[in-house]
């Protein structure tokens, strides 16, 4: 069974953040920090989720995506979907 690791999520977040923020601040310690406090806007969250969907061949409903306010919520939701599909 594949899972979305913390390191992989952080790599995806760094890749989508580009020059818009301090990507070096993205570490495991920020998993419970709201995206707004990380200067990650809703478009960036959409990009993160889209990349995860493509990589893991998942479908994450818009309603679920709207409820994801922290990196940990993405991690938990994706890993829950992956566990269901195995």
PDB file of N, CA and C in Angstrom:
ATOM      1  N   UNK A   1       0.839  -1.179   0.000  1.00  0.00           N
ATOM      2  CA  UNK A   1       0.000   0.000   0.000  1.00  0.00           C
ATOM      3  C   UNK A   1       0.888   1.248   0.000  1.00  0.00           C
ATOM      4  N   UNK A   2       0.604   2.176  -0.889  1.00  0.00           N
ATOM      5  CA  UNK A   2       1.364   3.417  -0.905  1.00  0.00           C
ATOM      6  C   UNK A   2       0.700   4.422   0.034  1.00  0.00           C
ATOM      7  N   UNK A   3       1.525   5.312   0.552  1.00  0.00           N
ATOM      8  CA  UNK A   3       1.021   6.372   1.422  1.00  0.00           C
ATOM      9  C   UNK A   3       1.701   7.675   1.040  1.00  0.00           C
ATOM     10  N   UNK A   4       1.074   8.755   1.419  1.00  0.00           N
ATOM     11  CA  UNK A   4       1.674  10.066   1.254  1.00  0.00           C
ATOM     12  C   UNK A   4       2.477  10.344   2.517  1.00  0.00           C
ATOM     13  N   UNK A   5       3.790  10.417   2.375  1.00  0.00           N
ATOM     14  CA  UNK A   5       4.649  10.673   3.533  1.00  0.00           C
ATOM     15  C   UNK A   5       4.711  12.170   3.819  1.00  0.00           C
ATOM     16  N   UNK A   6       5.119  12.497   5.014  1.00  0.00           N
ATOM     17  CA  UNK A   6       5.307  13.893   5.395  1.00  0.00           C
ATOM     18  C   UNK A   6       6.327  14.539   4.466  1.00  0.00           C
ATOM     19  N   UNK A   7       7.433  13.846   4.210  1.00  0.00           N
ATOM     20  CA  UNK A   7       8.477  14.403   3.347  1.00  0.00           C
ATOM     21  C   UNK A   7       7.957  14.679   1.941  1.00  0.00           C
ATOM     22  N   UNK A   8       7.155  13.764   1.407  1.00  0.00           N
ATOM     23  CA  UNK A   8       6.606  13.944   0.059  1.00  0.00           C
ATOM     24  C   UNK A   8       5.659  15.136   0.031  1.00  0.00           C
ATOM     25  N   UNK A   9       4.805  15.256   1.037  1.00  0.00           N
ATOM     26  CA  UNK A   9       3.896  16.399   1.102  1.00  0.00           C
ATOM     27  C   UNK A   9       4.680  17.703   1.163  1.00  0.00           C
ATOM     28  N   UNK A  10       5.706  17.748   1.970  1.00  0.00           N
ATOM     29  CA  UNK A  10       6.523  18.960   2.081  1.00  0.00           C
ATOM     30  C   UNK A  10       7.206  19.265   0.753  1.00  0.00           C
ATOM     31  N   UNK A  11       7.709  18.250   0.068  1.00  0.00           N
ATOM     32  CA  UNK A  11       8.317  18.459  -1.253  1.00  0.00           C
ATOM     33  C   UNK A  11       7.311  19.061  -2.227  1.00  0.00           C
ATOM     34  N   UNK A  12       6.089  18.542  -2.220  1.00  0.00           N
ATOM     35  CA  UNK A  12       5.046  19.062  -3.110  1.00  0.00           C
ATOM     36  C   UNK A  12       4.709  20.502  -2.740  1.00  0.00           C
ATOM     37  N   UNK A  13       4.599  20.782  -1.451  1.00  0.00           N
ATOM     38  CA  UNK A  13       4.308  22.147  -1.010  1.00  0.00           C
ATOM     39  C   UNK A  13       5.415  23.103  -1.427  1.00  0.00           C
ATOM     40  N   UNK A  14       6.654  22.678  -1.279  1.00  0.00           N
ATOM     41  CA  UNK A  14       7.781  23.531  -1.684  1.00  0.00           C
ATOM     42  C   UNK A  14       7.749  23.793  -3.181  1.00  0.00           C
ATOM     43  N   UNK A  15       7.458  22.756  -3.956  1.00  0.00           N
ATOM     44  CA  UNK A  15       7.428  22.898  -5.416  1.00  0.00           C
ATOM     45  C   UNK A  15       6.317  23.845  -5.858  1.00  0.00           C
ATOM     46  N   UNK A  16       5.184  23.806  -5.187  1.00  0.00           N
ATOM     47  CA  UNK A  16       4.078  24.671  -5.588  1.00  0.00           C
ATOM     48  C   UNK A  16       4.223  26.085  -5.042  1.00  0.00           C
ATOM     49  N   UNK A  17       4.990  26.239  -3.974  1.00  0.00           N
ATOM     50  CA  UNK A  17       5.149  27.565  -3.383  1.00  0.00           C
ATOM     51  C   UNK A  17       6.056  28.449  -4.233  1.00  0.00           C
ATOM     52  N   UNK A  18       7.044  27.873  -4.874  1.00  0.00           N
ATOM     53  CA  UNK A  18       7.928  28.648  -5.737  1.00  0.00           C
ATOM     54  C   UNK A  18       8.561  29.811  -5.012  1.00  0.00           C
ATOM     55  N   UNK A  19       8.514  30.971  -5.634  1.00  0.00           N
ATOM     56  CA  UNK A  19       9.132  32.171  -5.076  1.00  0.00           C
ATOM     57  C   UNK A  19       8.183  32.983  -4.203  1.00  0.00           C
ATOM     58  N   UNK A  20       6.966  32.473  -3.995  1.00  0.00           N
ATOM     59  CA  UNK A  20       5.963  33.276  -3.296  1.00  0.00           C
ATOM     60  C   UNK A  20       6.117  33.289  -1.777  1.00  0.00           C
ATOM     61  N   UNK A  21       7.018  32.506  -1.244  1.00  0.00           N
ATOM     62  CA  UNK A  21       7.168  32.480   0.211  1.00  0.00           C
ATOM     63  C   UNK A  21       8.473  31.846   0.610  1.00  0.00           C
ATOM     64  N   UNK A  22       8.617  31.604   1.894  1.00  0.00           N
ATOM     65  CA  UNK A  22       9.833  31.004   2.418  1.00  0.00           C
ATOM     66  C   UNK A  22       9.658  29.492   2.468  1.00  0.00           C
ATOM     67  N   UNK A  23      10.001  28.828   1.382  1.00  0.00           N
ATOM     68  CA  UNK A  23       9.825  27.375   1.288  1.00  0.00           C
ATOM     69  C   UNK A  23      10.685  26.640   2.306  1.00  0.00           C
ATOM     70  N   UNK A  24      11.779  27.239   2.739  1.00  0.00           N
ATOM     71  CA  UNK A  24      12.641  26.571   3.714  1.00  0.00           C
ATOM     72  C   UNK A  24      11.952  26.433   5.071  1.00  0.00           C
ATOM     73  N   UNK A  25      10.907  27.222   5.315  1.00  0.00           N
ATOM     74  CA  UNK A  25      10.177  27.150   6.581  1.00  0.00           C
ATOM     75  C   UNK A  25       9.239  25.952   6.631  1.00  0.00           C
ATOM     76  N   UNK A  26       9.071  25.268   5.511  1.00  0.00           N
ATOM     77  CA  UNK A  26       8.167  24.122   5.467  1.00  0.00           C
ATOM     78  C   UNK A  26       8.878  22.885   5.988  1.00  0.00           C
ATOM     79  N   UNK A  27       8.566  22.537   7.216  1.00  0.00           N
ATOM     80  CA  UNK A  27       9.136  21.360   7.864  1.00  0.00           C
ATOM     81  C   UNK A  27       7.999  20.596   8.539  1.00  0.00           C
ATOM     82  N   UNK A  28       8.324  19.449   9.099  1.00  0.00           N
ATOM     83  CA  UNK A  28       7.310  18.635   9.776  1.00  0.00           C
ATOM     84  C   UNK A  28       6.637  19.393  10.919  1.00  0.00           C
ATOM     85  N   UNK A  29       7.315  20.357  11.490  1.00  0.00           N
ATOM     86  CA  UNK A  29       6.771  21.110  12.617  1.00  0.00           C
ATOM     87  C   UNK A  29       5.575  21.976  12.230  1.00  0.00           C
ATOM     88  N   UNK A  30       5.360  22.234  10.942  1.00  0.00           N
ATOM     89  CA  UNK A  30       4.257  23.107  10.523  1.00  0.00           C
ATOM     90  C   UNK A  30       3.013  22.332  10.095  1.00  0.00           C
ATOM     91  N   UNK A  31       2.984  21.029  10.324  1.00  0.00           N
ATOM     92  CA  UNK A  31       1.856  20.218   9.858  1.00  0.00           C
ATOM     93  C   UNK A  31       0.507  20.687  10.395  1.00  0.00           C
ATOM     94  N   UNK A  32       0.474  21.235  11.588  1.00  0.00           N
ATOM     95  CA  UNK A  32      -0.790  21.670  12.181  1.00  0.00           C
ATOM     96  C   UNK A  32      -1.009  23.177  12.079  1.00  0.00           C
ATOM     97  N   UNK A  33      -0.153  23.843  11.331  1.00  0.00           N
ATOM     98  CA  UNK A  33      -0.270  25.283  11.135  1.00  0.00           C
ATOM     99  C   UNK A  33      -1.223  25.554   9.974  1.00  0.00           C
ATOM    100  N   UNK A  34      -2.196  26.442  10.162  1.00  0.00           N
ATOM    101  CA  UNK A  34      -3.115  26.752   9.059  1.00  0.00           C
ATOM    102  C   UNK A  34      -2.360  27.289   7.837  1.00  0.00           C
ATOM    103  N   UNK A  35      -2.871  26.937   6.665  1.00  0.00           N
ATOM    104  CA  UNK A  35      -2.234  27.407   5.436  1.00  0.00           C
ATOM    105  C   UNK A  35      -2.139  28.926   5.402  1.00  0.00           C
ATOM    106  N   UNK A  36      -3.143  29.615   5.927  1.00  0.00           N
ATOM    107  CA  UNK A  36      -3.104  31.074   5.921  1.00  0.00           C
ATOM    108  C   UNK A  36      -1.901  31.604   6.695  1.00  0.00           C
ATOM    109  N   UNK A  37      -1.528  30.930   7.776  1.00  0.00           N
ATOM    110  CA  UNK A  37      -0.355  31.342   8.558  1.00  0.00           C
ATOM    111  C   UNK A  37       0.953  31.003   7.856  1.00  0.00           C
ATOM    112  N   UNK A  38       0.883  30.075   6.901  1.00  0.00           N
ATOM    113  CA  UNK A  38       2.069  29.689   6.126  1.00  0.00           C
ATOM    114  C   UNK A  38       2.173  30.482   4.823  1.00  0.00           C
ATOM    115  N   UNK A  39       1.283  31.459   4.655  1.00  0.00           N
ATOM    116  CA  UNK A  39       1.222  32.246   3.416  1.00  0.00           C
ATOM    117  C   UNK A  39       0.967  31.369   2.194  1.00  0.00           C
ATOM    118  N   UNK A  40       0.152  30.333   2.382  1.00  0.00           N
ATOM    119  CA  UNK A  40      -0.254  29.449   1.292  1.00  0.00           C
ATOM    120  C   UNK A  40      -1.719  29.766   1.014  1.00  0.00           C
ATOM    121  N   UNK A  41      -1.988  30.351  -0.156  1.00  0.00           N
ATOM    122  CA  UNK A  41      -3.362  30.736  -0.466  1.00  0.00           C
ATOM    123  C   UNK A  41      -4.158  29.563  -1.035  1.00  0.00           C
ATOM    124  N   UNK A  42      -5.432  29.796  -1.272  1.00  0.00           N
ATOM    125  CA  UNK A  42      -6.321  28.716  -1.719  1.00  0.00           C
ATOM    126  C   UNK A  42      -5.918  28.166  -3.084  1.00  0.00           C
ATOM    127  N   UNK A  43      -5.375  28.997  -3.947  1.00  0.00           N
ATOM    128  CA  UNK A  43      -4.910  28.517  -5.249  1.00  0.00           C
ATOM    129  C   UNK A  43      -3.727  27.566  -5.076  1.00  0.00           C
ATOM    130  N   UNK A  44      -2.829  27.890  -4.160  1.00  0.00           N
ATOM    131  CA  UNK A  44      -1.687  27.007  -3.897  1.00  0.00           C
ATOM    132  C   UNK A  44      -2.152  25.680  -3.305  1.00  0.00           C
ATOM    133  N   UNK A  45      -3.162  25.722  -2.428  1.00  0.00           N
ATOM    134  CA  UNK A  45      -3.705  24.477  -1.868  1.00  0.00           C
ATOM    135  C   UNK A  45      -4.301  23.633  -2.994  1.00  0.00           C
ATOM    136  N   UNK A  46      -5.007  24.280  -3.911  1.00  0.00           N
ATOM    137  CA  UNK A  46      -5.563  23.567  -5.066  1.00  0.00           C
ATOM    138  C   UNK A  46      -4.450  22.915  -5.883  1.00  0.00           C
ATOM    139  N   UNK A  47      -3.356  23.625  -6.101  1.00  0.00           N
ATOM    140  CA  UNK A  47      -2.218  23.064  -6.837  1.00  0.00           C
ATOM    141  C   UNK A  47      -1.615  21.868  -6.100  1.00  0.00           C
ATOM    142  N   UNK A  48      -1.487  21.973  -4.791  1.00  0.00           N
ATOM    143  CA  UNK A  48      -0.942  20.877  -3.981  1.00  0.00           C
ATOM    144  C   UNK A  48      -1.828  19.645  -4.119  1.00  0.00           C
ATOM    145  N   UNK A  49      -3.124  19.836  -3.936  1.00  0.00           N
ATOM    146  CA  UNK A  49      -4.064  18.714  -4.003  1.00  0.00           C
ATOM    147  C   UNK A  49      -4.104  18.122  -5.406  1.00  0.00           C
ATOM    148  N   UNK A  50      -4.066  18.969  -6.428  1.00  0.00           N
ATOM    149  CA  UNK A  50      -4.076  18.479  -7.811  1.00  0.00           C
ATOM    150  C   UNK A  50      -2.847  17.626  -8.091  1.00  0.00           C
ATOM    151  N   UNK A  51      -1.699  18.068  -7.633  1.00  0.00           N
ATOM    152  CA  UNK A  51      -0.481  17.285  -7.839  1.00  0.00           C
ATOM    153  C   UNK A  51      -0.571  15.936  -7.123  1.00  0.00           C
ATOM    154  N   UNK A  52      -1.113  15.935  -5.919  1.00  0.00           N
ATOM    155  CA  UNK A  52      -1.280  14.679  -5.173  1.00  0.00           C
ATOM    156  C   UNK A  52      -2.253  13.760  -5.902  1.00  0.00           C
ATOM    157  N   UNK A  53      -3.366  14.322  -6.385  1.00  0.00           N
ATOM    158  CA  UNK A  53      -4.347  13.518  -7.127  1.00  0.00           C
ATOM    159  C   UNK A  53      -3.703  12.874  -8.348  1.00  0.00           C
ATOM    160  N   UNK A  54      -2.907  13.642  -9.068  1.00  0.00           N
ATOM    161  CA  UNK A  54      -2.240  13.116 -10.264  1.00  0.00           C
ATOM    162  C   UNK A  54      -1.238  12.028  -9.906  1.00  0.00           C
ATOM    163  N   UNK A  55      -0.452  12.278  -8.896  1.00  0.00           N
ATOM    164  CA  UNK A  55       0.601  11.333  -8.536  1.00  0.00           C
ATOM    165  C   UNK A  55       0.054  10.024  -7.964  1.00  0.00           C
ATOM    166  N   UNK A  56      -0.996  10.128  -7.160  1.00  0.00           N
ATOM    167  CA  UNK A  56      -1.537   8.940  -6.503  1.00  0.00           C
ATOM    168  C   UNK A  56      -2.799   8.409  -7.187  1.00  0.00           C
ATOM    169  N   UNK A  57      -3.189   9.048  -8.278  1.00  0.00           N
ATOM    170  CA  UNK A  57      -4.376   8.656  -9.042  1.00  0.00           C
ATOM    171  C   UNK A  57      -5.604   8.563  -8.142  1.00  0.00           C
ATOM    172  N   UNK A  58      -5.853   9.672  -7.441  1.00  0.00           N
ATOM    173  CA  UNK A  58      -6.984   9.789  -6.524  1.00  0.00           C
ATOM    174  C   UNK A  58      -7.931  10.863  -7.014  1.00  0.00           C
ATOM    175  N   UNK A  59      -9.136  10.829  -6.498  1.00  0.00           N
ATOM    176  CA  UNK A  59     -10.096  11.907  -6.712  1.00  0.00           C
ATOM    177  C   UNK A  59     -10.477  12.432  -5.340  1.00  0.00           C
ATOM    178  N   UNK A  60     -10.175  13.687  -5.098  1.00  0.00           N
ATOM    179  CA  UNK A  60     -10.525  14.322  -3.832  1.00  0.00           C
ATOM    180  C   UNK A  60     -11.654  15.312  -4.124  1.00  0.00           C
ATOM    181  N   UNK A  61     -12.831  15.095  -3.549  1.00  0.00           N
ATOM    182  CA  UNK A  61     -13.966  15.983  -3.812  1.00  0.00           C
ATOM    183  C   UNK A  61     -13.671  17.425  -3.394  1.00  0.00           C
ATOM    184  N   UNK A  62     -14.282  18.362  -4.123  1.00  0.00           N
ATOM    185  CA  UNK A  62     -14.087  19.777  -3.815  1.00  0.00           C
ATOM    186  C   UNK A  62     -14.465  20.100  -2.374  1.00  0.00           C
ATOM    187  N   UNK A  63     -15.548  19.508  -1.892  1.00  0.00           N
ATOM    188  CA  UNK A  63     -15.989  19.779  -0.517  1.00  0.00           C
ATOM    189  C   UNK A  63     -14.928  19.352   0.493  1.00  0.00           C
ATOM    190  N   UNK A  64     -14.275  18.228   0.242  1.00  0.00           N
ATOM    191  CA  UNK A  64     -13.211  17.763   1.136  1.00  0.00           C
ATOM    192  C   UNK A  64     -12.021  18.707   1.060  1.00  0.00           C
ATOM    193  N   UNK A  65     -11.709  19.150  -0.155  1.00  0.00           N
ATOM    194  CA  UNK A  65     -10.572  20.045  -0.348  1.00  0.00           C
ATOM    195  C   UNK A  65     -10.791  21.363   0.398  1.00  0.00           C
ATOM    196  N   UNK A  66     -12.012  21.866   0.355  1.00  0.00           N
ATOM    197  CA  UNK A  66     -12.321  23.126   1.031  1.00  0.00           C
ATOM    198  C   UNK A  66     -12.152  23.017   2.540  1.00  0.00           C
ATOM    199  N   UNK A  67     -12.292  21.813   3.085  1.00  0.00           N
ATOM    200  CA  UNK A  67     -12.146  21.613   4.520  1.00  0.00           C
ATOM    201  C   UNK A  67     -10.714  21.418   4.978  1.00  0.00           C
ATOM    202  N   UNK A  68      -9.792  21.346   4.041  1.00  0.00           N
ATOM    203  CA  UNK A  68      -8.384  21.111   4.382  1.00  0.00           C
ATOM    204  C   UNK A  68      -7.710  22.446   4.680  1.00  0.00           C
ATOM    205  N   UNK A  69      -7.516  22.701   5.949  1.00  0.00           N
ATOM    206  CA  UNK A  69      -6.963  23.987   6.386  1.00  0.00           C
ATOM    207  C   UNK A  69      -5.514  23.900   6.834  1.00  0.00           C
ATOM    208  N   UNK A  70      -4.990  22.671   7.005  1.00  0.00           N
ATOM    209  CA  UNK A  70      -3.601  22.484   7.431  1.00  0.00           C
ATOM    210  C   UNK A  70      -2.968  21.372   6.595  1.00  0.00           C
ATOM    211  N   UNK A  71      -1.651  21.343   6.531  1.00  0.00           N
ATOM    212  CA  UNK A  71      -0.992  20.236   5.828  1.00  0.00           C
ATOM    213  C   UNK A  71      -1.378  18.867   6.396  1.00  0.00           C
ATOM    214  N   UNK A  72      -1.535  18.763   7.712  1.00  0.00           N
ATOM    215  CA  UNK A  72      -1.893  17.472   8.309  1.00  0.00           C
ATOM    216  C   UNK A  72      -3.266  17.001   7.822  1.00  0.00           C
ATOM    217  N   UNK A  73      -4.190  17.919   7.624  1.00  0.00           N
ATOM    218  CA  UNK A  73      -5.511  17.525   7.135  1.00  0.00           C
ATOM    219  C   UNK A  73      -5.418  16.936   5.729  1.00  0.00           C
ATOM    220  N   UNK A  74      -4.553  17.486   4.890  1.00  0.00           N
ATOM    221  CA  UNK A  74      -4.335  16.892   3.567  1.00  0.00           C
ATOM    222  C   UNK A  74      -3.723  15.509   3.723  1.00  0.00           C
ATOM    223  N   UNK A  75      -2.693  15.420   4.530  1.00  0.00           N
ATOM    224  CA  UNK A  75      -1.990  14.152   4.749  1.00  0.00           C
ATOM    225  C   UNK A  75      -2.950  13.071   5.245  1.00  0.00           C
ATOM    226  N   UNK A  76      -3.737  13.402   6.249  1.00  0.00           N
ATOM    227  CA  UNK A  76      -4.668  12.421   6.818  1.00  0.00           C
ATOM    228  C   UNK A  76      -5.742  12.013   5.816  1.00  0.00           C
ATOM    229  N   UNK A  77      -6.277  12.981   5.085  1.00  0.00           N
ATOM    230  CA  UNK A  77      -7.335  12.670   4.119  1.00  0.00           C
ATOM    231  C   UNK A  77      -6.811  11.779   3.000  1.00  0.00           C
ATOM    232  N   UNK A  78      -5.672  12.147   2.443  1.00  0.00           N
ATOM    233  CA  UNK A  78      -5.100  11.365   1.341  1.00  0.00           C
ATOM    234  C   UNK A  78      -4.760   9.956   1.807  1.00  0.00           C
ATOM    235  N   UNK A  79      -4.133   9.832   2.952  1.00  0.00           N
ATOM    236  CA  UNK A  79      -3.774   8.495   3.440  1.00  0.00           C
ATOM    237  C   UNK A  79      -5.010   7.669   3.782  1.00  0.00           C
ATOM    238  N   UNK A  80      -6.082   8.317   4.207  1.00  0.00           N
ATOM    239  CA  UNK A  80      -7.336   7.607   4.421  1.00  0.00           C
ATOM    240  C   UNK A  80      -7.900   7.066   3.117  1.00  0.00           C
ATOM    241  N   UNK A  81      -7.858   7.882   2.061  1.00  0.00           N
ATOM    242  CA  UNK A  81      -8.327   7.429   0.746  1.00  0.00           C
ATOM    243  C   UNK A  81      -7.464   6.290   0.214  1.00  0.00           C
ATOM    244  N   UNK A  82      -6.162   6.406   0.404  1.00  0.00           N
ATOM    245  CA  UNK A  82      -5.258   5.354  -0.072  1.00  0.00           C
ATOM    246  C   UNK A  82      -5.503   4.046   0.680  1.00  0.00           C
ATOM    247  N   UNK A  83      -5.785   4.133   1.971  1.00  0.00           N
ATOM    248  CA  UNK A  83      -6.062   2.924   2.757  1.00  0.00           C
ATOM    249  C   UNK A  83      -7.366   2.268   2.296  1.00  0.00           C
ATOM    250  N   UNK A  84      -8.369   3.083   1.970  1.00  0.00           N
ATOM    251  CA  UNK A  84      -9.648   2.556   1.489  1.00  0.00           C
ATOM    252  C   UNK A  84      -9.507   1.853   0.145  1.00  0.00           C
ATOM    253  N   UNK A  85      -8.607   2.362  -0.682  1.00  0.00           N
ATOM    254  CA  UNK A  85      -8.482   1.823  -2.042  1.00  0.00           C
ATOM    255  C   UNK A  85      -7.587   0.592  -2.119  1.00  0.00           C
ATOM    256  N   UNK A  86      -6.931   0.248  -1.013  1.00  0.00           N
ATOM    257  CA  UNK A  86      -6.033  -0.920  -1.068  1.00  0.00           C
ATOM    258  C   UNK A  86      -6.748  -2.204  -0.720  1.00  0.00           C
TER     259      UNK A  86
END
